[in-house]
Amino acid sequence: HTHQTNDIVELLLKNKAIPALKGAQIVKREVKVGRSRFDFLLQ
């Protein structure tokens, strides 16, 4: 379910389960930059 993959990644982020992004905070999902839209803006 590709539409739900971002939900899975969000869960992993919130539970510090992606080692390279441990401690990252989700600022916003679906962030528009110029003509493109990216899945997450993190702190």
ModelCIF file with pLDDT and N, C-alpha, C, O atoms, coordinates in Angstrom:
data_MODEL
#
_entry.id   MODEL 
#
_entity.id                         1 
_entity.type                       polymer 
_entity.pdbx_number_of_molecules   1 
#
_entity_poly.entity_id                      1 
_entity_poly.type                           'polypeptide(L)' 
_entity_poly.nstd_linkage                   no 
_entity_poly.nstd_monomer                   no 
_entity_poly.pdbx_seq_one_letter_code       HTHQTNDIVELLLKNKAIPALKGAQIVKREVKVGRSRFDFLLQ 
_entity_poly.pdbx_seq_one_letter_code_can   HTHQTNDIVELLLKNKAIPALKGAQIVKREVKVGRSRFDFLLQ 
_entity_poly.pdbx_strand_id                 A 
#
loop_
_entity_poly_seq.entity_id 
_entity_poly_seq.num 
_entity_poly_seq.mon_id 
_entity_poly_seq.hetero 
1 1  HIS n 
1 2  THR n 
1 3  HIS n 
1 4  GLN n 
1 5  THR n 
1 6  ASN n 
1 7  ASP n 
1 8  ILE n 
1 9  VAL n 
1 10 GLU n 
1 11 LEU n 
1 12 LEU n 
1 13 LEU n 
1 14 LYS n 
1 15 ASN n 
1 16 LYS n 
1 17 ALA n 
1 18 ILE n 
1 19 PRO n 
1 20 ALA n 
1 21 LEU n 
1 22 LYS n 
1 23 GLY n 
1 24 ALA n 
1 25 GLN n 
1 26 ILE n 
1 27 VAL n 
1 28 LYS n 
1 29 ARG n 
1 30 GLU n 
1 31 VAL n 
1 32 LYS n 
1 33 VAL n 
1 34 GLY n 
1 35 ARG n 
1 36 SER n 
1 37 ARG n 
1 38 PHE n 
1 39 ASP n 
1 40 PHE n 
1 41 LEU n 
1 42 LEU n 
1 43 GLN n 
#
_struct_asym.id          A 
_struct_asym.entity_id   1 
#
loop_
_ma_qa_metric.id 
_ma_qa_metric.mode 
_ma_qa_metric.name 
_ma_qa_metric.software_group_id 
_ma_qa_metric.type 
1 global pLDDT . pLDDT 
2 local  pLDDT . pLDDT 
#
_ma_qa_metric_global.metric_id      1 
_ma_qa_metric_global.metric_value   92.53 
_ma_qa_metric_global.model_id       1 
_ma_qa_metric_global.ordinal_id     1 
#
loop_
_ma_qa_metric_local.label_asym_id 
_ma_qa_metric_local.label_comp_id 
_ma_qa_metric_local.label_seq_id 
_ma_qa_metric_local.metric_id 
_ma_qa_metric_local.metric_value 
_ma_qa_metric_local.model_id 
_ma_qa_metric_local.ordinal_id 
A HIS 1  2 94.00 1 1  
A THR 2  2 93.00 1 2  
A HIS 3  2 89.00 1 3  
A GLN 4  2 91.00 1 4  
A THR 5  2 93.00 1 5  
A ASN 6  2 94.00 1 6  
A ASP 7  2 91.00 1 7  
A ILE 8  2 92.00 1 8  
A VAL 9  2 94.00 1 9  
A GLU 10 2 93.00 1 10 
A LEU 11 2 89.00 1 11 
A LEU 12 2 90.00 1 12 
A LEU 13 2 93.00 1 13 
A LYS 14 2 90.00 1 14 
A ASN 15 2 86.00 1 15 
A LYS 16 2 88.00 1 16 
A ALA 17 2 89.00 1 17 
A ILE 18 2 93.00 1 18 
A PRO 19 2 92.00 1 19 
A ALA 20 2 95.00 1 20 
A LEU 21 2 96.00 1 21 
A LYS 22 2 91.00 1 22 
A GLY 23 2 91.00 1 23 
A ALA 24 2 96.00 1 24 
A GLN 25 2 97.00 1 25 
A ILE 26 2 97.00 1 26 
A VAL 27 2 97.00 1 27 
A LYS 28 2 97.00 1 28 
A ARG 29 2 96.00 1 29 
A GLU 30 2 95.00 1 30 
A VAL 31 2 95.00 1 31 
A LYS 32 2 92.00 1 32 
A VAL 33 2 90.00 1 33 
A GLY 34 2 82.00 1 34 
A ARG 35 2 81.00 1 35 
A SER 36 2 84.00 1 36 
A ARG 37 2 91.00 1 37 
A PHE 38 2 95.00 1 38 
A ASP 39 2 97.00 1 39 
A PHE 40 2 98.00 1 40 
A LEU 41 2 97.00 1 41 
A LEU 42 2 98.00 1 42 
A GLN 43 2 97.00 1 43 
#
loop_
_atom_site.group_PDB 
_atom_site.id 
_atom_site.type_symbol 
_atom_site.label_atom_id 
_atom_site.label_alt_id 
_atom_site.label_comp_id 
_atom_site.label_asym_id 
_atom_site.label_entity_id 
_atom_site.label_seq_id 
_atom_site.pdbx_PDB_ins_code 
_atom_site.Cartn_x 
_atom_site.Cartn_y 
_atom_site.Cartn_z 
_atom_site.occupancy 
_atom_site.B_iso_or_equiv 
_atom_site.pdbx_formal_charge 
_atom_site.auth_seq_id 
_atom_site.auth_comp_id 
_atom_site.auth_asym_id 
_atom_site.auth_atom_id 
_atom_site.pdbx_PDB_model_num 
ATOM 1   N N  . HIS A 1 1  ? 0.844  -1.205 0.000  1.00 94.00 ? 1  HIS A N  1 
ATOM 2   C CA . HIS A 1 1  ? 0.000  0.000  0.000  1.00 94.00 ? 1  HIS A CA 1 
ATOM 3   C C  . HIS A 1 1  ? 0.879  1.255  0.000  1.00 94.00 ? 1  HIS A C  1 
ATOM 4   O O  . HIS A 1 1  ? 1.229  1.778  1.058  1.00 94.00 ? 1  HIS A O  1 
ATOM 5   N N  . THR A 1 2  ? 1.231  1.731  -1.204 1.00 93.00 ? 2  THR A N  1 
ATOM 6   C CA . THR A 1 2  ? 2.142  2.871  -1.297 1.00 93.00 ? 2  THR A CA 1 
ATOM 7   C C  . THR A 1 2  ? 1.563  4.135  -0.653 1.00 93.00 ? 2  THR A C  1 
ATOM 8   O O  . THR A 1 2  ? 2.315  4.977  -0.162 1.00 93.00 ? 2  THR A O  1 
ATOM 9   N N  . HIS A 1 3  ? 0.228  4.274  -0.651 1.00 89.00 ? 3  HIS A N  1 
ATOM 10  C CA . HIS A 1 3  ? -0.382 5.460  -0.049 1.00 89.00 ? 3  HIS A CA 1 
ATOM 11  C C  . HIS A 1 3  ? -0.184 5.485  1.462  1.00 89.00 ? 3  HIS A C  1 
ATOM 12  O O  . HIS A 1 3  ? -0.263 6.544  2.084  1.00 89.00 ? 3  HIS A O  1 
ATOM 13  N N  . GLN A 1 4  ? 0.074  4.314  2.052  1.00 91.00 ? 4  GLN A N  1 
ATOM 14  C CA . GLN A 1 4  ? 0.236  4.230  3.506  1.00 91.00 ? 4  GLN A CA 1 
ATOM 15  C C  . GLN A 1 4  ? 1.698  4.131  3.940  1.00 91.00 ? 4  GLN A C  1 
ATOM 16  O O  . GLN A 1 4  ? 1.983  4.098  5.137  1.00 91.00 ? 4  GLN A O  1 
ATOM 17  N N  . THR A 1 5  ? 2.612  4.084  3.000  1.00 93.00 ? 5  THR A N  1 
ATOM 18  C CA . THR A 1 5  ? 4.022  3.940  3.364  1.00 93.00 ? 5  THR A CA 1 
ATOM 19  C C  . THR A 1 5  ? 4.511  5.099  4.220  1.00 93.00 ? 5  THR A C  1 
ATOM 20  O O  . THR A 1 5  ? 5.308  4.898  5.137  1.00 93.00 ? 5  THR A O  1 
ATOM 21  N N  . ASN A 1 6  ? 4.048  6.302  3.935  1.00 94.00 ? 6  ASN A N  1 
ATOM 22  C CA . ASN A 1 6  ? 4.451  7.452  4.757  1.00 94.00 ? 6  ASN A CA 1 
ATOM 23  C C  . ASN A 1 6  ? 3.966  7.318  6.196  1.00 94.00 ? 6  ASN A C  1 
ATOM 24  O O  . ASN A 1 6  ? 4.631  7.776  7.125  1.00 94.00 ? 6  ASN A O  1 
ATOM 25  N N  . ASP A 1 7  ? 2.800  6.686  6.381  1.00 91.00 ? 7  ASP A N  1 
ATOM 26  C CA . ASP A 1 7  ? 2.319  6.445  7.744  1.00 91.00 ? 7  ASP A CA 1 
ATOM 27  C C  . ASP A 1 7  ? 3.258  5.493  8.490  1.00 91.00 ? 7  ASP A C  1 
ATOM 28  O O  . ASP A 1 7  ? 3.514  5.659  9.683  1.00 91.00 ? 7  ASP A O  1 
ATOM 29  N N  . ILE A 1 8  ? 3.763  4.495  7.765  1.00 92.00 ? 8  ILE A N  1 
ATOM 30  C CA . ILE A 1 8  ? 4.699  3.552  8.372  1.00 92.00 ? 8  ILE A CA 1 
ATOM 31  C C  . ILE A 1 8  ? 5.983  4.263  8.757  1.00 92.00 ? 8  ILE A C  1 
ATOM 32  O O  . ILE A 1 8  ? 6.508  4.064  9.853  1.00 92.00 ? 8  ILE A O  1 
ATOM 33  N N  . VAL A 1 9  ? 6.485  5.087  7.858  1.00 94.00 ? 9  VAL A N  1 
ATOM 34  C CA . VAL A 1 9  ? 7.719  5.833  8.151  1.00 94.00 ? 9  VAL A CA 1 
ATOM 35  C C  . VAL A 1 9  ? 7.494  6.813  9.298  1.00 94.00 ? 9  VAL A C  1 
ATOM 36  O O  . VAL A 1 9  ? 8.375  6.994  10.138 1.00 94.00 ? 9  VAL A O  1 
ATOM 37  N N  . GLU A 1 10 ? 6.321  7.446  9.340  1.00 93.00 ? 10 GLU A N  1 
ATOM 38  C CA . GLU A 1 10 ? 6.018  8.346  10.454 1.00 93.00 ? 10 GLU A CA 1 
ATOM 39  C C  . GLU A 1 10 ? 6.060  7.604  11.787 1.00 93.00 ? 10 GLU A C  1 
ATOM 40  O O  . GLU A 1 10 ? 6.609  8.100  12.772 1.00 93.00 ? 10 GLU A O  1 
ATOM 41  N N  . LEU A 1 11 ? 5.475  6.414  11.802 1.00 89.00 ? 11 LEU A N  1 
ATOM 42  C CA . LEU A 1 11 ? 5.493  5.616  13.025 1.00 89.00 ? 11 LEU A CA 1 
ATOM 43  C C  . LEU A 1 11 ? 6.926  5.287  13.449 1.00 89.00 ? 11 LEU A C  1 
ATOM 44  O O  . LEU A 1 11 ? 7.267  5.372  14.629 1.00 89.00 ? 11 LEU A O  1 
ATOM 45  N N  . LEU A 1 12 ? 7.747  4.915  12.490 1.00 90.00 ? 12 LEU A N  1 
ATOM 46  C CA . LEU A 1 12 ? 9.134  4.593  12.804 1.00 90.00 ? 12 LEU A CA 1 
ATOM 47  C C  . LEU A 1 12 ? 9.880  5.821  13.324 1.00 90.00 ? 12 LEU A C  1 
ATOM 48  O O  . LEU A 1 12 ? 10.666 5.721  14.266 1.00 90.00 ? 12 LEU A O  1 
ATOM 49  N N  . LEU A 1 13 ? 9.636  6.965  12.717 1.00 93.00 ? 13 LEU A N  1 
ATOM 50  C CA . LEU A 1 13 ? 10.267 8.204  13.176 1.00 93.00 ? 13 LEU A CA 1 
ATOM 51  C C  . LEU A 1 13 ? 9.856  8.541  14.607 1.00 93.00 ? 13 LEU A C  1 
ATOM 52  O O  . LEU A 1 13 ? 10.697 8.858  15.447 1.00 93.00 ? 13 LEU A O  1 
ATOM 53  N N  . LYS A 1 14 ? 8.565  8.469  14.870 1.00 90.00 ? 14 LYS A N  1 
ATOM 54  C CA . LYS A 1 14 ? 8.064  8.834  16.191 1.00 90.00 ? 14 LYS A CA 1 
ATOM 55  C C  . LYS A 1 14 ? 8.574  7.894  17.282 1.00 90.00 ? 14 LYS A C  1 
ATOM 56  O O  . LYS A 1 14 ? 8.681  8.278  18.447 1.00 90.00 ? 14 LYS A O  1 
ATOM 57  N N  . ASN A 1 15 ? 8.885  6.671  16.891 1.00 86.00 ? 15 ASN A N  1 
ATOM 58  C CA . ASN A 1 15 ? 9.365  5.693  17.871 1.00 86.00 ? 15 ASN A CA 1 
ATOM 59  C C  . ASN A 1 15 ? 10.885 5.512  17.813 1.00 86.00 ? 15 ASN A C  1 
ATOM 60  O O  . ASN A 1 15 ? 11.431 4.540  18.334 1.00 86.00 ? 15 ASN A O  1 
ATOM 61  N N  . LYS A 1 16 ? 11.560 6.482  17.158 1.00 88.00 ? 16 LYS A N  1 
ATOM 62  C CA . LYS A 1 16 ? 13.026 6.481  17.088 1.00 88.00 ? 16 LYS A CA 1 
ATOM 63  C C  . LYS A 1 16 ? 13.562 5.164  16.550 1.00 88.00 ? 16 LYS A C  1 
ATOM 64  O O  . LYS A 1 16 ? 14.573 4.653  17.031 1.00 88.00 ? 16 LYS A O  1 
ATOM 65  N N  . ALA A 1 17 ? 12.876 4.616  15.546 1.00 89.00 ? 17 ALA A N  1 
ATOM 66  C CA . ALA A 1 17 ? 13.203 3.289  15.023 1.00 89.00 ? 17 ALA A CA 1 
ATOM 67  C C  . ALA A 1 17 ? 13.983 3.334  13.716 1.00 89.00 ? 17 ALA A C  1 
ATOM 68  O O  . ALA A 1 17 ? 14.265 2.288  13.132 1.00 89.00 ? 17 ALA A O  1 
ATOM 69  N N  . ILE A 1 18 ? 14.337 4.539  13.242 1.00 93.00 ? 18 ILE A N  1 
ATOM 70  C CA . ILE A 1 18 ? 15.241 4.680  12.103 1.00 93.00 ? 18 ILE A CA 1 
ATOM 71  C C  . ILE A 1 18 ? 16.551 5.226  12.667 1.00 93.00 ? 18 ILE A C  1 
ATOM 72  O O  . ILE A 1 18 ? 16.643 6.420  12.955 1.00 93.00 ? 18 ILE A O  1 
ATOM 73  N N  . PRO A 1 19 ? 17.569 4.371  12.829 1.00 92.00 ? 19 PRO A N  1 
ATOM 74  C CA . PRO A 1 19 ? 18.782 4.776  13.545 1.00 92.00 ? 19 PRO A CA 1 
ATOM 75  C C  . PRO A 1 19 ? 19.400 6.088  13.055 1.00 92.00 ? 19 PRO A C  1 
ATOM 76  O O  . PRO A 1 19 ? 19.799 6.919  13.871 1.00 92.00 ? 19 PRO A O  1 
ATOM 77  N N  . ALA A 1 20 ? 19.485 6.285  11.743 1.00 95.00 ? 20 ALA A N  1 
ATOM 78  C CA . ALA A 1 20 ? 20.136 7.487  11.216 1.00 95.00 ? 20 ALA A CA 1 
ATOM 79  C C  . ALA A 1 20 ? 19.320 8.752  11.469 1.00 95.00 ? 20 ALA A C  1 
ATOM 80  O O  . ALA A 1 20 ? 19.852 9.856  11.359 1.00 95.00 ? 20 ALA A O  1 
ATOM 81  N N  . LEU A 1 21 ? 18.036 8.610  11.807 1.00 96.00 ? 21 LEU A N  1 
ATOM 82  C CA . LEU A 1 21 ? 17.169 9.762  12.067 1.00 96.00 ? 21 LEU A CA 1 
ATOM 83  C C  . LEU A 1 21 ? 16.622 9.738  13.495 1.00 96.00 ? 21 LEU A C  1 
ATOM 84  O O  . LEU A 1 21 ? 15.586 10.337 13.782 1.00 96.00 ? 21 LEU A O  1 
ATOM 85  N N  . LYS A 1 22 ? 17.317 9.054  14.368 1.00 91.00 ? 22 LYS A N  1 
ATOM 86  C CA . LYS A 1 22 ? 16.878 8.969  15.756 1.00 91.00 ? 22 LYS A CA 1 
ATOM 87  C C  . LYS A 1 22 ? 16.855 10.360 16.379 1.00 91.00 ? 22 LYS A C  1 
ATOM 88  O O  . LYS A 1 22 ? 17.826 11.112 16.298 1.00 91.00 ? 22 LYS A O  1 
ATOM 89  N N  . GLY A 1 23 ? 15.752 10.677 16.985 1.00 91.00 ? 23 GLY A N  1 
ATOM 90  C CA . GLY A 1 23 ? 15.608 11.997 17.604 1.00 91.00 ? 23 GLY A CA 1 
ATOM 91  C C  . GLY A 1 23 ? 14.984 13.040 16.703 1.00 91.00 ? 23 GLY A C  1 
ATOM 92  O O  . GLY A 1 23 ? 14.715 14.156 17.147 1.00 91.00 ? 23 GLY A O  1 
ATOM 93  N N  . ALA A 1 24 ? 14.747 12.697 15.434 1.00 96.00 ? 24 ALA A N  1 
ATOM 94  C CA . ALA A 1 24 ? 14.129 13.662 14.515 1.00 96.00 ? 24 ALA A CA 1 
ATOM 95  C C  . ALA A 1 24 ? 12.672 13.909 14.899 1.00 96.00 ? 24 ALA A C  1 
ATOM 96  O O  . ALA A 1 24 ? 11.952 12.983 15.273 1.00 96.00 ? 24 ALA A O  1 
ATOM 97  N N  . GLN A 1 25 ? 12.252 15.160 14.803 1.00 97.00 ? 25 GLN A N  1 
ATOM 98  C CA . GLN A 1 25 ? 10.879 15.550 15.084 1.00 97.00 ? 25 GLN A CA 1 
ATOM 99  C C  . GLN A 1 25 ? 10.175 15.918 13.780 1.00 97.00 ? 25 GLN A C  1 
ATOM 100 O O  . GLN A 1 25 ? 10.737 16.611 12.932 1.00 97.00 ? 25 GLN A O  1 
ATOM 101 N N  . ILE A 1 26 ? 8.947  15.447 13.634 1.00 97.00 ? 26 ILE A N  1 
ATOM 102 C CA . ILE A 1 26 ? 8.188  15.755 12.423 1.00 97.00 ? 26 ILE A CA 1 
ATOM 103 C C  . ILE A 1 26 ? 7.573  17.144 12.568 1.00 97.00 ? 26 ILE A C  1 
ATOM 104 O O  . ILE A 1 26 ? 6.773  17.394 13.471 1.00 97.00 ? 26 ILE A O  1 
ATOM 105 N N  . VAL A 1 27 ? 7.959  18.040 11.666 1.00 97.00 ? 27 VAL A N  1 
ATOM 106 C CA . VAL A 1 27 ? 7.402  19.390 11.661 1.00 97.00 ? 27 VAL A CA 1 
ATOM 107 C C  . VAL A 1 27 ? 6.124  19.426 10.832 1.00 97.00 ? 27 VAL A C  1 
ATOM 108 O O  . VAL A 1 27 ? 5.127  20.033 11.226 1.00 97.00 ? 27 VAL A O  1 
ATOM 109 N N  . LYS A 1 28 ? 6.171  18.762 9.672  1.00 97.00 ? 28 LYS A N  1 
ATOM 110 C CA . LYS A 1 28 ? 5.029  18.806 8.760  1.00 97.00 ? 28 LYS A CA 1 
ATOM 111 C C  . LYS A 1 28 ? 5.150  17.694 7.737  1.00 97.00 ? 28 LYS A C  1 
ATOM 112 O O  . LYS A 1 28 ? 6.250  17.289 7.362  1.00 97.00 ? 28 LYS A O  1 
ATOM 113 N N  . ARG A 1 29 ? 3.989  17.202 7.287  1.00 96.00 ? 29 ARG A N  1 
ATOM 114 C CA . ARG A 1 29 ? 3.949  16.255 6.182  1.00 96.00 ? 29 ARG A CA 1 
ATOM 115 C C  . ARG A 1 29 ? 3.458  16.955 4.919  1.00 96.00 ? 29 ARG A C  1 
ATOM 116 O O  . ARG A 1 29 ? 2.743  17.954 4.988  1.00 96.00 ? 29 ARG A O  1 
ATOM 117 N N  . GLU A 1 30 ? 3.851  16.418 3.767  1.00 95.00 ? 30 GLU A N  1 
ATOM 118 C CA . GLU A 1 30 ? 3.445  16.967 2.468  1.00 95.00 ? 30 GLU A CA 1 
ATOM 119 C C  . GLU A 1 30 ? 3.836  18.444 2.380  1.00 95.00 ? 30 GLU A C  1 
ATOM 120 O O  . GLU A 1 30 ? 2.983  19.330 2.435  1.00 95.00 ? 30 GLU A O  1 
ATOM 121 N N  . VAL A 1 31 ? 5.124  18.686 2.244  1.00 95.00 ? 31 VAL A N  1 
ATOM 122 C CA . VAL A 1 31 ? 5.670  20.050 2.256  1.00 95.00 ? 31 VAL A CA 1 
ATOM 123 C C  . VAL A 1 31 ? 5.979  20.486 0.828  1.00 95.00 ? 31 VAL A C  1 
ATOM 124 O O  . VAL A 1 31 ? 6.723  19.817 0.111  1.00 95.00 ? 31 VAL A O  1 
ATOM 125 N N  . LYS A 1 32 ? 5.403  21.606 0.425  1.00 92.00 ? 32 LYS A N  1 
ATOM 126 C CA . LYS A 1 32 ? 5.639  22.105 -0.924 1.00 92.00 ? 32 LYS A CA 1 
ATOM 127 C C  . LYS A 1 32 ? 6.875  22.994 -0.956 1.00 92.00 ? 32 LYS A C  1 
ATOM 128 O O  . LYS A 1 32 ? 7.039  23.910 -0.150 1.00 92.00 ? 32 LYS A O  1 
ATOM 129 N N  . VAL A 1 33 ? 7.748  22.682 -1.935 1.00 90.00 ? 33 VAL A N  1 
ATOM 130 C CA . VAL A 1 33 ? 8.947  23.486 -2.160 1.00 90.00 ? 33 VAL A CA 1 
ATOM 131 C C  . VAL A 1 33 ? 9.032  23.749 -3.656 1.00 90.00 ? 33 VAL A C  1 
ATOM 132 O O  . VAL A 1 33 ? 9.276  22.827 -4.433 1.00 90.00 ? 33 VAL A O  1 
ATOM 133 N N  . GLY A 1 34 ? 8.833  24.998 -4.068 1.00 82.00 ? 34 GLY A N  1 
ATOM 134 C CA . GLY A 1 34 ? 8.804  25.305 -5.490 1.00 82.00 ? 34 GLY A CA 1 
ATOM 135 C C  . GLY A 1 34 ? 7.658  24.580 -6.166 1.00 82.00 ? 34 GLY A C  1 
ATOM 136 O O  . GLY A 1 34 ? 6.510  24.685 -5.735 1.00 82.00 ? 34 GLY A O  1 
ATOM 137 N N  . ARG A 1 35 ? 7.965  23.846 -7.219 1.00 81.00 ? 35 ARG A N  1 
ATOM 138 C CA . ARG A 1 35 ? 6.936  23.101 -7.947 1.00 81.00 ? 35 ARG A CA 1 
ATOM 139 C C  . ARG A 1 35 ? 6.755  21.678 -7.419 1.00 81.00 ? 35 ARG A C  1 
ATOM 140 O O  . ARG A 1 35 ? 5.888  20.942 -7.890 1.00 81.00 ? 35 ARG A O  1 
ATOM 141 N N  . SER A 1 36 ? 7.571  21.301 -6.447 1.00 84.00 ? 36 SER A N  1 
ATOM 142 C CA . SER A 1 36 ? 7.522  19.921 -5.944 1.00 84.00 ? 36 SER A CA 1 
ATOM 143 C C  . SER A 1 36 ? 6.956  19.859 -4.538 1.00 84.00 ? 36 SER A C  1 
ATOM 144 O O  . SER A 1 36 ? 6.859  20.867 -3.839 1.00 84.00 ? 36 SER A O  1 
ATOM 145 N N  . ARG A 1 37 ? 6.590  18.662 -4.147 1.00 91.00 ? 37 ARG A N  1 
ATOM 146 C CA . ARG A 1 37 ? 6.071  18.404 -2.822 1.00 91.00 ? 37 ARG A CA 1 
ATOM 147 C C  . ARG A 1 37 ? 6.833  17.220 -2.238 1.00 91.00 ? 37 ARG A C  1 
ATOM 148 O O  . ARG A 1 37 ? 6.909  16.158 -2.857 1.00 91.00 ? 37 ARG A O  1 
ATOM 149 N N  . PHE A 1 38 ? 7.395  17.405 -1.048 1.00 95.00 ? 38 PHE A N  1 
ATOM 150 C CA . PHE A 1 38 ? 8.157  16.347 -0.408 1.00 95.00 ? 38 PHE A CA 1 
ATOM 151 C C  . PHE A 1 38 ? 7.378  15.803 0.783  1.00 95.00 ? 38 PHE A C  1 
ATOM 152 O O  . PHE A 1 38 ? 6.501  16.474 1.327  1.00 95.00 ? 38 PHE A O  1 
ATOM 153 N N  . ASP A 1 39 ? 7.710  14.581 1.177  1.00 97.00 ? 39 ASP A N  1 
ATOM 154 C CA . ASP A 1 39 ? 6.874  13.845 2.121  1.00 97.00 ? 39 ASP A CA 1 
ATOM 155 C C  . ASP A 1 39 ? 6.935  14.378 3.549  1.00 97.00 ? 39 ASP A C  1 
ATOM 156 O O  . ASP A 1 39 ? 5.917  14.413 4.239  1.00 97.00 ? 39 ASP A O  1 
ATOM 157 N N  . PHE A 1 40 ? 8.122  14.796 4.001  1.00 98.00 ? 40 PHE A N  1 
ATOM 158 C CA . PHE A 1 40 ? 8.263  15.254 5.386  1.00 98.00 ? 40 PHE A CA 1 
ATOM 159 C C  . PHE A 1 40 ? 9.212  16.449 5.472  1.00 98.00 ? 40 PHE A C  1 
ATOM 160 O O  . PHE A 1 40 ? 10.183 16.560 4.724  1.00 98.00 ? 40 PHE A O  1 
ATOM 161 N N  . LEU A 1 41 ? 8.895  17.330 6.405  1.00 97.00 ? 41 LEU A N  1 
ATOM 162 C CA . LEU A 1 41 ? 9.860  18.308 6.898  1.00 97.00 ? 41 LEU A CA 1 
ATOM 163 C C  . LEU A 1 41 ? 10.148 17.918 8.342  1.00 97.00 ? 41 LEU A C  1 
ATOM 164 O O  . LEU A 1 41 ? 9.241  17.872 9.173  1.00 97.00 ? 41 LEU A O  1 
ATOM 165 N N  . LEU A 1 42 ? 11.413 17.638 8.634  1.00 98.00 ? 42 LEU A N  1 
ATOM 166 C CA . LEU A 1 42 ? 11.822 17.210 9.964  1.00 98.00 ? 42 LEU A CA 1 
ATOM 167 C C  . LEU A 1 42 ? 12.690 18.261 10.635 1.00 98.00 ? 42 LEU A C  1 
ATOM 168 O O  . LEU A 1 42 ? 13.293 19.104 9.970  1.00 98.00 ? 42 LEU A O  1 
ATOM 169 N N  . GLN A 1 43 ? 12.745 18.200 11.949 1.00 97.00 ? 43 GLN A N  1 
ATOM 170 C CA . GLN A 1 43 ? 13.727 18.939 12.725 1.00 97.00 ? 43 GLN A CA 1 
ATOM 171 C C  . GLN A 1 43 ? 14.702 17.893 13.258 1.00 97.00 ? 43 GLN A C  1 
ATOM 172 O O  . GLN A 1 43 ? 15.653 18.237 13.960 1.00 97.00 ? 43 GLN A O  1 
#
